[in-house]
Protein backbone atom coordinates (compact mmCIF):
# COMPACT_ATOMS: atom_id res chain seq x y z
CA MET A 1 39.09 -142.80 12.48
CA ASP A 2 36.00 -143.34 14.06
CA ASP A 3 35.45 -145.93 16.95
CA GLN A 4 33.44 -148.66 14.53
CA ARG A 5 36.26 -148.66 11.70
CA THR A 6 39.11 -148.64 14.69
CA LEU A 7 37.30 -151.69 16.01
CA THR A 8 36.59 -153.49 12.89
CA ALA A 9 39.56 -152.98 10.89
CA ILE A 10 41.55 -156.09 9.80
CA SER A 11 44.88 -154.35 10.13
CA PRO A 12 45.83 -153.33 13.91
CA LEU A 13 47.67 -150.76 12.08
CA ASP A 14 44.18 -149.15 11.40
CA GLY A 15 42.66 -150.58 14.38
CA ARG A 16 44.16 -151.05 17.94
CA TYR A 17 47.16 -148.96 16.94
CA ALA A 18 45.92 -146.34 14.72
CA ALA A 19 46.15 -143.44 17.19
CA LYS A 20 49.87 -144.23 16.80
CA THR A 21 49.86 -144.43 12.95
CA ASP A 22 48.03 -141.38 12.08
CA SER A 23 51.38 -139.62 10.92
CA CYS A 24 52.08 -142.22 8.73
CA ARG A 25 48.16 -142.46 7.09
CA GLU A 26 48.87 -139.80 4.38
CA LEU A 27 52.37 -140.94 2.97
CA PHE A 28 51.48 -145.04 2.87
CA SER A 29 47.65 -144.86 2.04
CA GLU A 30 45.99 -145.28 -1.12
CA GLN A 31 45.24 -141.59 -1.38
CA GLY A 32 48.76 -140.89 -0.19
CA LEU A 33 50.06 -143.30 -3.07
CA ILE A 34 47.14 -141.64 -5.56
CA ARG A 35 48.66 -138.12 -4.32
CA ARG A 36 52.23 -138.58 -5.46
CA ARG A 37 50.73 -140.21 -8.91
CA VAL A 38 49.15 -136.72 -9.75
CA PHE A 39 51.94 -135.00 -8.45
CA THR A 40 54.04 -136.71 -10.95
CA GLU A 41 52.14 -136.27 -13.89
CA VAL A 42 51.53 -132.54 -12.78
CA ARG A 43 55.28 -132.01 -12.71
CA TRP A 44 56.41 -133.69 -16.02
CA LEU A 45 53.35 -131.70 -17.43
CA GLN A 46 54.79 -128.62 -16.08
CA PHE A 47 58.33 -129.36 -16.81
CA LEU A 48 57.90 -130.29 -20.60
CA ALA A 49 56.06 -126.94 -20.79
CA LYS A 50 59.53 -125.18 -20.11
CA ARG A 51 61.65 -127.34 -22.31
CA PRO A 52 62.09 -125.35 -25.75
CA GLU A 53 63.16 -128.80 -27.59
CA ILE A 54 59.28 -129.95 -26.99
CA THR A 55 58.27 -127.67 -29.85
CA ASP A 56 54.49 -128.51 -30.34
CA PHE A 57 53.63 -127.83 -26.35
CA PRO A 58 51.44 -124.54 -25.84
CA SER A 59 52.94 -121.62 -24.35
CA VAL A 60 52.13 -122.14 -20.54
CA SER A 61 51.56 -119.17 -18.46
CA PRO A 62 52.23 -118.43 -14.88
CA VAL A 63 48.79 -118.26 -14.00
CA VAL A 64 48.24 -122.24 -15.65
CA HIS A 65 51.62 -123.01 -13.92
CA ASP A 66 49.82 -121.64 -10.52
CA TRP A 67 46.85 -123.56 -11.10
CA LEU A 68 48.73 -126.60 -11.65
CA ASP A 69 50.58 -126.14 -8.30
CA ARG A 70 47.55 -125.93 -6.68
CA LEU A 71 46.25 -129.16 -8.19
CA VAL A 72 48.69 -130.63 -6.38
CA THR A 73 48.90 -129.17 -3.14
CA SER A 74 45.17 -128.91 -2.74
CA PHE A 75 44.94 -132.71 -3.54
CA GLY A 76 42.84 -134.87 -1.06
CA TYR A 77 39.96 -137.01 -0.28
CA GLN A 78 37.47 -135.59 -2.62
CA GLU A 79 40.09 -135.83 -5.62
CA ALA A 80 41.16 -139.43 -4.23
CA THR A 81 37.48 -140.31 -4.34
CA ARG A 82 36.81 -139.37 -7.89
CA ILE A 83 40.17 -140.84 -9.46
CA LYS A 84 38.65 -144.55 -7.60
CA ALA A 85 35.77 -143.65 -9.23
CA ILE A 86 37.02 -143.46 -12.82
CA GLU A 87 38.84 -146.75 -11.69
CA LYS A 88 35.97 -148.79 -11.83
CA THR A 89 35.60 -147.82 -15.56
CA THR A 90 38.82 -148.42 -16.44
CA ASN A 91 40.38 -150.98 -13.93
CA HIS A 92 43.80 -149.08 -14.49
CA ASP A 93 44.89 -147.08 -11.53
CA VAL A 94 47.28 -145.23 -13.34
CA LYS A 95 44.98 -144.50 -16.35
CA ALA A 96 42.30 -143.02 -13.84
CA VAL A 97 44.73 -140.65 -12.58
CA GLU A 98 45.36 -139.53 -16.31
CA TYR A 99 41.57 -139.18 -16.89
CA PHE A 100 41.33 -136.85 -13.45
CA ILE A 101 43.56 -134.46 -14.71
CA ALA A 102 42.50 -134.31 -18.17
CA GLU A 103 38.58 -133.49 -16.38
CA GLN A 104 40.43 -130.60 -14.65
CA LEU A 105 41.67 -129.18 -17.72
CA SER A 106 38.39 -127.96 -18.77
CA GLU A 107 37.29 -127.44 -22.56
CA GLY A 108 37.68 -124.22 -24.33
CA SER A 109 40.24 -122.33 -22.16
CA GLU A 110 44.24 -122.11 -21.90
CA LEU A 111 44.27 -125.14 -19.59
CA ALA A 112 42.34 -127.62 -22.36
CA ARG A 113 45.03 -127.27 -24.74
CA LEU A 114 47.54 -129.13 -22.46
CA ARG A 115 45.18 -132.19 -22.29
CA PRO A 116 46.98 -133.81 -25.66
CA PHE A 117 50.36 -133.84 -23.05
CA VAL A 118 49.01 -135.36 -19.95
CA HIS A 119 50.74 -138.34 -19.54
CA PHE A 120 53.25 -137.89 -22.82
CA GLY A 121 55.36 -140.55 -23.54
CA CYS A 122 54.40 -142.30 -20.40
CA THR A 123 53.87 -145.83 -19.25
CA SER A 124 52.03 -146.29 -15.95
CA GLU A 125 55.44 -147.24 -14.58
CA ASP A 126 56.76 -144.39 -15.04
CA ILE A 127 54.47 -142.83 -12.80
CA ASN A 128 54.42 -145.26 -10.28
CA ASN A 129 58.17 -146.12 -9.79
CA VAL A 130 58.50 -141.99 -9.08
CA ALA A 131 55.58 -141.95 -6.76
CA TYR A 132 57.17 -145.04 -4.84
CA ALA A 133 60.35 -143.55 -4.73
CA LEU A 134 59.04 -139.97 -3.43
CA ILE A 135 56.99 -142.04 -0.79
CA LEU A 136 60.20 -144.09 0.45
CA ARG A 137 62.13 -141.11 0.53
CA SER A 138 59.77 -139.40 2.44
CA ALA A 139 59.14 -142.48 4.91
CA ARG A 140 63.14 -142.47 5.78
CA ASP A 141 64.04 -138.87 5.77
CA GLU A 142 60.71 -137.48 7.55
CA HIS A 143 59.74 -140.56 9.70
CA VAL A 144 62.22 -143.40 10.22
CA GLY A 145 65.34 -141.18 10.47
CA PRO A 146 63.60 -138.70 13.39
CA ALA A 147 62.36 -141.71 15.22
CA VAL A 148 65.60 -143.77 15.00
CA ARG A 149 67.61 -140.28 15.67
CA GLY A 150 65.10 -139.74 18.71
CA LEU A 151 65.97 -143.37 20.17
CA LEU A 152 69.64 -142.77 19.86
CA ALA A 153 69.58 -139.09 21.66
CA SER A 154 67.94 -141.07 24.50
CA LEU A 155 70.33 -144.00 24.60
CA ARG A 156 73.36 -141.66 24.32
CA SER A 157 72.03 -139.78 27.56
CA MET A 158 72.11 -143.16 29.36
CA VAL A 159 75.29 -143.71 28.28
CA ARG A 160 76.65 -140.59 29.73
CA SER A 161 74.93 -141.11 33.03
CA THR A 162 76.01 -144.94 33.43
CA ALA A 163 79.71 -144.92 31.93
CA SER A 164 81.10 -145.86 35.34
CA LEU A 165 77.98 -147.94 36.53
CA PRO A 166 79.61 -151.19 37.19
CA MET A 167 77.29 -154.24 36.33
CA LEU A 168 77.78 -158.59 35.71
CA SER A 169 78.24 -159.64 32.27
CA ARG A 170 76.77 -162.73 31.12
CA THR A 171 78.05 -164.79 28.21
CA HIS A 172 75.93 -168.18 27.88
CA GLY A 173 73.87 -166.66 30.35
CA GLN A 174 76.56 -167.33 32.88
CA ALA A 175 78.23 -164.73 34.89
CA ALA A 176 81.32 -163.14 33.32
CA SER A 177 83.90 -160.33 33.44
CA PRO A 178 82.25 -157.28 34.54
CA THR A 179 81.41 -154.22 32.61
CA THR A 180 79.34 -150.65 32.96
CA LEU A 181 76.04 -150.43 31.82
CA GLY A 182 76.83 -147.39 29.78
CA LYS A 183 79.64 -149.60 27.89
CA GLU A 184 76.91 -151.97 26.99
CA ILE A 185 74.32 -149.24 25.93
CA ALA A 186 77.45 -147.65 23.89
CA ASN A 187 77.32 -151.04 22.04
CA VAL A 188 73.79 -150.68 20.79
CA VAL A 189 74.19 -146.73 20.13
CA TRP A 190 77.37 -147.53 17.75
CA ARG A 191 75.73 -150.15 16.06
CA LEU A 192 72.52 -148.38 15.47
CA ASP A 193 73.94 -144.80 14.15
CA ARG A 194 75.86 -147.61 11.69
CA GLN A 195 72.75 -149.15 10.35
CA LEU A 196 71.01 -145.47 10.27
CA ALA A 197 73.84 -144.07 8.18
CA ALA A 198 73.57 -147.23 5.70
CA LEU A 199 70.08 -146.56 4.94
CA GLU A 200 70.22 -142.80 4.86
CA SER A 201 73.29 -143.16 2.18
CA VAL A 202 70.92 -145.59 -0.24
CA PRO A 203 70.42 -143.60 -3.53
CA VAL A 204 66.78 -143.16 -4.38
CA LEU A 205 66.42 -143.95 -7.96
CA ALA A 206 63.78 -143.75 -10.66
CA LYS A 207 63.25 -143.89 -14.41
CA PHE A 208 61.31 -142.25 -16.83
CA ASN A 209 62.10 -144.00 -20.15
CA GLY A 210 58.59 -145.42 -21.47
CA ALA A 211 57.21 -148.76 -22.12
CA VAL A 212 60.46 -150.75 -22.33
CA GLY A 213 63.03 -148.09 -21.36
CA ASN A 214 63.90 -147.15 -24.79
CA PHE A 215 61.87 -144.11 -25.17
CA ASN A 216 60.83 -145.73 -28.00
CA ALA A 217 57.41 -143.46 -28.31
CA HIS A 218 59.38 -140.27 -27.29
CA VAL A 219 61.93 -140.83 -30.60
CA ILE A 220 58.98 -141.08 -32.70
CA ALA A 221 57.43 -137.84 -31.69
CA TYR A 222 60.84 -136.03 -31.21
CA PRO A 223 63.80 -137.62 -33.03
CA ASP A 224 66.01 -134.53 -32.50
CA VAL A 225 65.36 -134.28 -28.43
CA ASP A 226 68.21 -135.90 -25.96
CA TRP A 227 65.47 -137.89 -24.35
CA PRO A 228 68.06 -139.75 -21.97
CA ALA A 229 69.01 -135.78 -20.65
CA LEU A 230 65.53 -134.76 -20.79
CA SER A 231 64.40 -137.78 -18.38
CA ARG A 232 67.54 -137.63 -16.24
CA ASP A 233 66.50 -133.50 -15.86
CA PHE A 234 62.81 -134.39 -14.50
CA ILE A 235 64.01 -136.69 -12.05
CA ALA A 236 66.84 -134.76 -10.99
CA SER A 237 64.12 -131.93 -10.81
CA LEU A 238 62.13 -134.08 -8.15
CA GLY A 239 65.45 -134.90 -5.84
CA LEU A 240 65.73 -138.45 -7.35
CA GLU A 241 68.79 -140.23 -9.08
CA ALA A 242 68.34 -141.53 -12.74
CA ASN A 243 68.84 -145.12 -13.90
CA PRO A 244 69.68 -145.39 -17.32
CA PHE A 245 69.36 -148.90 -17.69
CA THR A 246 65.94 -150.35 -16.95
CA THR A 247 62.99 -152.58 -18.46
CA GLN A 248 59.69 -151.00 -18.00
CA ILE A 249 60.01 -150.72 -14.44
CA GLU A 250 63.19 -149.43 -12.47
CA PRO A 251 64.59 -152.69 -10.86
CA HIS A 252 63.93 -152.19 -7.40
CA ASP A 253 67.68 -152.98 -6.60
CA TRP A 254 67.85 -149.95 -4.39
CA MET A 255 64.51 -150.54 -2.97
CA ALA A 256 66.14 -153.79 -2.02
CA GLU A 257 68.71 -151.91 -0.10
CA TYR A 258 66.46 -149.49 1.44
CA PHE A 259 64.72 -152.76 2.91
CA ASP A 260 67.78 -154.56 3.92
CA ALA A 261 69.24 -151.57 5.66
CA LEU A 262 66.15 -150.98 7.45
CA ALA A 263 65.65 -154.60 8.43
CA ARG A 264 69.49 -154.08 10.00
CA ILE A 265 68.65 -151.21 12.01
CA ASN A 266 65.23 -153.52 13.21
CA THR A 267 67.51 -156.05 14.05
CA VAL A 268 69.75 -153.77 15.70
CA LEU A 269 66.65 -152.52 18.06
CA LEU A 270 65.30 -156.20 18.59
CA ASP A 271 68.50 -157.39 20.24
CA ALA A 272 68.46 -153.95 22.41
CA CYS A 273 64.82 -155.14 23.41
CA ARG A 274 65.73 -158.64 24.70
CA ASP A 275 68.64 -157.25 26.34
CA LEU A 276 67.00 -154.74 28.25
CA TRP A 277 64.05 -157.43 28.91
CA GLY A 278 66.58 -159.50 30.42
CA TYR A 279 68.45 -156.42 32.56
CA ILE A 280 64.72 -155.97 33.81
CA ALA A 281 64.18 -159.64 34.75
CA ILE A 282 67.32 -159.76 36.88
CA GLY A 283 66.31 -156.44 38.40
CA TYR A 284 69.31 -154.26 37.05
CA PHE A 285 66.36 -151.72 35.93
CA ARG A 286 63.67 -150.49 38.01
CA GLN A 287 60.34 -149.71 35.87
CA ARG A 288 58.65 -146.65 36.83
CA LYS A 289 54.97 -147.29 37.96
CA LEU A 290 52.11 -145.51 36.15
CA ALA A 291 49.15 -145.28 38.33
CA ASN A 292 46.47 -146.22 36.71
CA GLU A 293 48.17 -149.15 34.83
CA VAL A 294 47.93 -152.81 35.89
CA GLY A 295 50.40 -155.66 34.91
CA SER A 296 48.23 -158.53 35.32
CA SER A 297 44.74 -159.53 35.70
CA THR A 298 45.16 -161.49 38.37
CA MET A 299 48.83 -160.63 39.97
CA PRO A 300 48.55 -156.84 41.15
CA HIS A 301 52.50 -157.06 42.21
CA LYS A 302 53.56 -157.05 38.49
CA VAL A 303 55.20 -154.30 36.45
CA ASN A 304 55.49 -155.73 33.10
CA PRO A 305 58.35 -154.87 30.30
CA ILE A 306 55.34 -154.79 28.07
CA ASP A 307 57.00 -151.64 25.91
CA PHE A 308 60.00 -153.87 24.93
CA GLU A 309 57.68 -156.96 24.28
CA ASN A 310 55.62 -154.92 21.97
CA ALA A 311 58.59 -153.38 20.19
CA GLU A 312 60.01 -156.66 19.76
CA GLY A 313 56.89 -158.16 18.23
CA ASN A 314 56.59 -155.21 15.55
CA LEU A 315 60.29 -155.46 14.77
CA GLY A 316 60.09 -159.45 13.74
CA ILE A 317 56.69 -158.31 11.73
CA SER A 318 58.50 -155.50 10.04
CA ASN A 319 61.45 -157.57 9.10
CA ALA A 320 59.47 -160.57 8.10
CA LEU A 321 58.21 -158.00 5.10
CA LEU A 322 61.15 -156.11 4.76
CA HIS A 323 63.29 -159.39 3.83
CA HIS A 324 60.28 -160.62 1.72
CA PHE A 325 60.45 -157.11 -0.35
CA SER A 326 64.04 -156.94 -0.65
CA ALA A 327 64.05 -160.64 -1.94
CA LYS A 328 60.85 -160.34 -4.12
CA LEU A 329 61.02 -156.58 -5.95
CA PRO A 330 64.03 -157.06 -7.72
CA VAL A 331 62.95 -160.15 -9.56
CA SER A 332 60.90 -159.85 -12.79
CA ARG A 333 59.53 -161.63 -15.50
CA TRP A 334 61.39 -160.40 -18.96
CA GLN A 335 60.21 -156.71 -19.19
CA ARG A 336 57.49 -156.68 -16.94
CA ASP A 337 55.15 -158.87 -14.95
CA LEU A 338 52.74 -157.13 -12.22
CA SER A 339 53.77 -159.38 -9.22
CA ASP A 340 55.51 -156.40 -7.49
CA SER A 341 52.60 -154.34 -7.52
CA THR A 342 50.97 -155.67 -4.35
CA VAL A 343 53.99 -156.14 -2.62
CA LEU A 344 55.18 -152.49 -3.01
CA ARG A 345 51.48 -151.44 -1.62
CA ASN A 346 52.50 -152.94 1.58
CA ALA A 347 55.66 -151.02 2.02
CA GLY A 348 53.91 -148.73 4.54
CA VAL A 349 52.78 -151.77 6.40
CA ALA A 350 56.44 -152.82 7.13
CA ILE A 351 57.64 -149.60 7.62
CA ALA A 352 54.34 -148.82 10.22
CA HIS A 353 55.51 -151.29 12.43
CA SER A 354 58.72 -150.52 12.55
CA LEU A 355 57.89 -147.16 13.41
CA LEU A 356 55.73 -148.65 16.34
CA ALA A 357 58.48 -150.37 17.53
CA CYS A 358 60.48 -147.32 17.86
CA GLN A 359 57.44 -145.63 19.79
CA SER A 360 57.31 -148.33 22.41
CA PHE A 361 61.03 -148.89 22.19
CA ALA A 362 61.06 -145.30 23.48
CA ALA A 363 58.12 -145.54 26.11
CA GLY A 364 60.41 -148.61 27.71
CA LEU A 365 63.15 -146.19 28.09
CA ARG A 366 61.12 -143.43 29.76
CA LYS A 367 60.20 -146.01 32.45
CA LEU A 368 63.97 -147.24 33.46
CA ASP A 369 65.59 -146.64 36.23
CA PRO A 370 69.06 -148.51 36.85
CA ASP A 371 69.29 -149.93 40.15
CA PRO A 372 73.33 -149.82 41.32
CA ALA A 373 72.56 -151.28 44.74
CA ARG A 374 71.26 -154.57 42.63
CA MET A 375 74.09 -154.43 40.30
CA LEU A 376 76.68 -154.60 43.09
CA ALA A 377 74.93 -156.75 45.27
CA GLU A 378 75.18 -159.16 42.32
CA LEU A 379 79.03 -158.56 41.65
CA ASP A 380 79.52 -159.10 45.27
CA ASN A 381 78.11 -162.59 44.66
CA ASN A 382 80.34 -163.53 41.78
CA TRP A 383 83.63 -163.19 42.95
CA GLU A 384 84.73 -166.37 40.86
CA VAL A 385 84.64 -163.68 37.78
CA LEU A 386 88.21 -162.35 39.20
CA ALA A 387 89.82 -165.92 38.01
CA GLU A 388 90.14 -164.31 34.57
CA ALA A 389 92.35 -161.48 35.99
CA ILE A 390 94.40 -163.90 38.54
CA GLN A 391 95.16 -166.65 35.93
CA THR A 392 96.32 -163.96 33.50
CA VAL A 393 98.56 -162.41 35.89
CA LEU A 394 100.04 -165.94 36.80
CA ARG A 395 100.56 -166.29 32.95
CA ARG A 396 102.69 -163.24 33.00
CA THR A 397 104.79 -164.14 35.63
CA GLY A 398 105.63 -167.45 34.15
CA SER A 399 103.15 -170.09 35.31
CA SER A 400 102.46 -172.55 32.95
CA ASP A 401 99.33 -173.98 34.50
CA ALA A 402 97.77 -170.62 35.63
CA TYR A 403 94.51 -171.49 33.92
CA GLU A 404 94.18 -175.15 35.18
CA GLN A 405 94.46 -173.64 38.87
CA LEU A 406 91.87 -171.10 38.35
CA LYS A 407 89.70 -173.61 37.10
CA ALA A 408 90.02 -176.23 39.70
CA LEU A 409 89.18 -173.74 42.13
CA THR A 410 86.45 -171.64 40.43
CA ARG A 411 84.91 -173.62 37.43
CA GLY A 412 80.96 -173.89 38.45
CA GLN A 413 81.53 -172.83 41.72
CA ARG A 414 80.47 -169.19 43.61
CA LEU A 415 83.09 -168.22 45.52
CA THR A 416 83.29 -165.19 48.28
CA ALA A 417 85.73 -162.54 48.72
CA GLN A 418 87.89 -164.79 51.19
CA ASP A 419 88.21 -167.75 48.90
CA LEU A 420 89.81 -165.72 46.37
CA ARG A 421 91.93 -164.11 49.43
CA THR A 422 92.91 -167.21 50.79
CA PHE A 423 94.04 -168.17 47.35
CA VAL A 424 95.82 -165.33 46.03
CA SER A 425 97.67 -164.90 49.68
CA GLY A 426 99.30 -168.84 48.75
CA LEU A 427 100.61 -167.76 45.57
CA ASP A 428 104.24 -167.41 44.92
CA LEU A 429 104.13 -163.74 43.48
CA PRO A 430 106.13 -160.98 44.06
CA ARG A 431 104.25 -158.78 46.84
CA SER A 432 103.53 -156.06 44.81
CA THR A 433 101.50 -158.19 42.49
CA LYS A 434 100.11 -160.15 45.23
CA GLU A 435 98.78 -156.62 47.02
CA LYS A 436 97.45 -155.67 43.45
CA LEU A 437 95.75 -159.04 43.21
CA LEU A 438 94.06 -158.94 46.88
CA GLY A 439 92.82 -155.30 46.23
CA LEU A 440 90.56 -156.47 43.22
CA SER A 441 86.99 -156.44 43.69
CA PRO A 442 84.43 -157.52 40.93
CA GLY A 443 82.88 -153.94 41.17
CA ALA A 444 86.29 -152.56 39.89
CA TYR A 445 87.22 -155.08 37.20
CA THR A 446 85.86 -153.55 34.49
CA GLY A 447 88.68 -152.74 32.47
CA LEU A 448 88.20 -150.00 29.80
CA ALA A 449 84.76 -150.07 30.11
CA GLU A 450 84.00 -146.49 31.28
CA GLN A 451 86.56 -145.10 29.05
CA LEU A 452 85.19 -146.72 26.19
CA ALA A 453 81.81 -145.50 27.16
CA ALA A 454 83.05 -141.81 27.69
CA SER A 455 84.52 -142.05 24.02
CA LEU A 456 81.13 -142.94 22.41
CA GLU A 457 80.48 -139.05 21.70
CA GLU A 458 84.02 -138.36 20.16
CA ARG A 459 83.94 -141.17 17.97
CA LEU A 460 80.50 -141.02 16.74
CA SER A 461 81.50 -137.39 15.67
CA ARG A 462 84.37 -138.45 13.98
CA ARG A 463 82.40 -141.26 12.30
CA SER A 464 79.94 -138.48 11.14
CA SER A 465 82.84 -136.33 9.57
CA GLY A 466 84.40 -139.69 8.12
CA LYS A 467 87.37 -139.62 10.23
CA ALA A 468 86.37 -143.14 12.41
């Protein structure tokens, strides 16, 4: 897009973030939708040409099939512009596609004989629902999936490199039992991988059964054809799954599943954004400085975590739309109303904001370096977190007021190593038990965190093979 159009765009997707959403433009734009409508119409025409039960369909030579293929593969801005010009007369977007294809089938040629079968037996929603199914499948398989897998790869690398790096936990914002950085990042990976699998498992459905889903016109024209089977075969030829029971529209339940699954991916990422932002704020991570970047217009010392903030904002916008889609799209009056049409046109907006968030999240991760010294210093300033271990050992040895003893010593108090050692030294415990407690330190009190982080790859492999 040129600078003027970028600066005057209403949506930041086509303005400020235009360069970052270029890869989505062919798929989610009006031209992208029109192209897939043309694709569906042409493939239906070619499909009918190869069905012997459609007895009146003229023979179609390989040359004509090649010509029809080129009509799809060469489709671009000029063709989309012509369809929009036709739509100004028809005031119907799908009918304009039909008329455009008819224009291409010139009179007095082998092509002209195909014109009566363009859009044969179709309602506009047959074309639209297939077009949107193709768009959403491509969005998932070619854009969202790779973007999320890229984040997973970066996060898994972080898990491996920080599996044993101890850090203080915080529950309710307060110092809590230590963990490792790798284990906390592993939590994100495990969640994100599961939600991506859920999105990828959503079946992409479509219908191609006429005005109200009953093949009414089809049966009148060719009563002996098994239309449900033929429709199913056509939809399968496009790599989609047929929904046998619909009204004029495919009911969009699968879309609700798809959008809900994407929203859950976004929610996991949003949660991770806030945690990473917090870890940056307390110094667990340092951010790599870019030479020409500024963090504040007035405070030159700042290096702001803007990538995670940008990701959080975009994830929120995406989810607001996705939740509306999943609530709205499966609801339609009787056999059809048009309220889903304008909603579906915004599917690309929600997905593009999600993809923007993935880009920002990835950029934020690339700038992060853990600060082990800072983490260890904070652990050393919070010896009171060992109260959990001490009172649990006291319980094991039969103390009935173990919790109360440690509560009296530690609640709301900042203790030193010496404070804890003095307390432990005064306990009536076996020597070996007392020595074990005296040897504890916050940095070594991480339970199985390192082992859990180290087991992530094996667990992911087992999950992907269905054994988890």
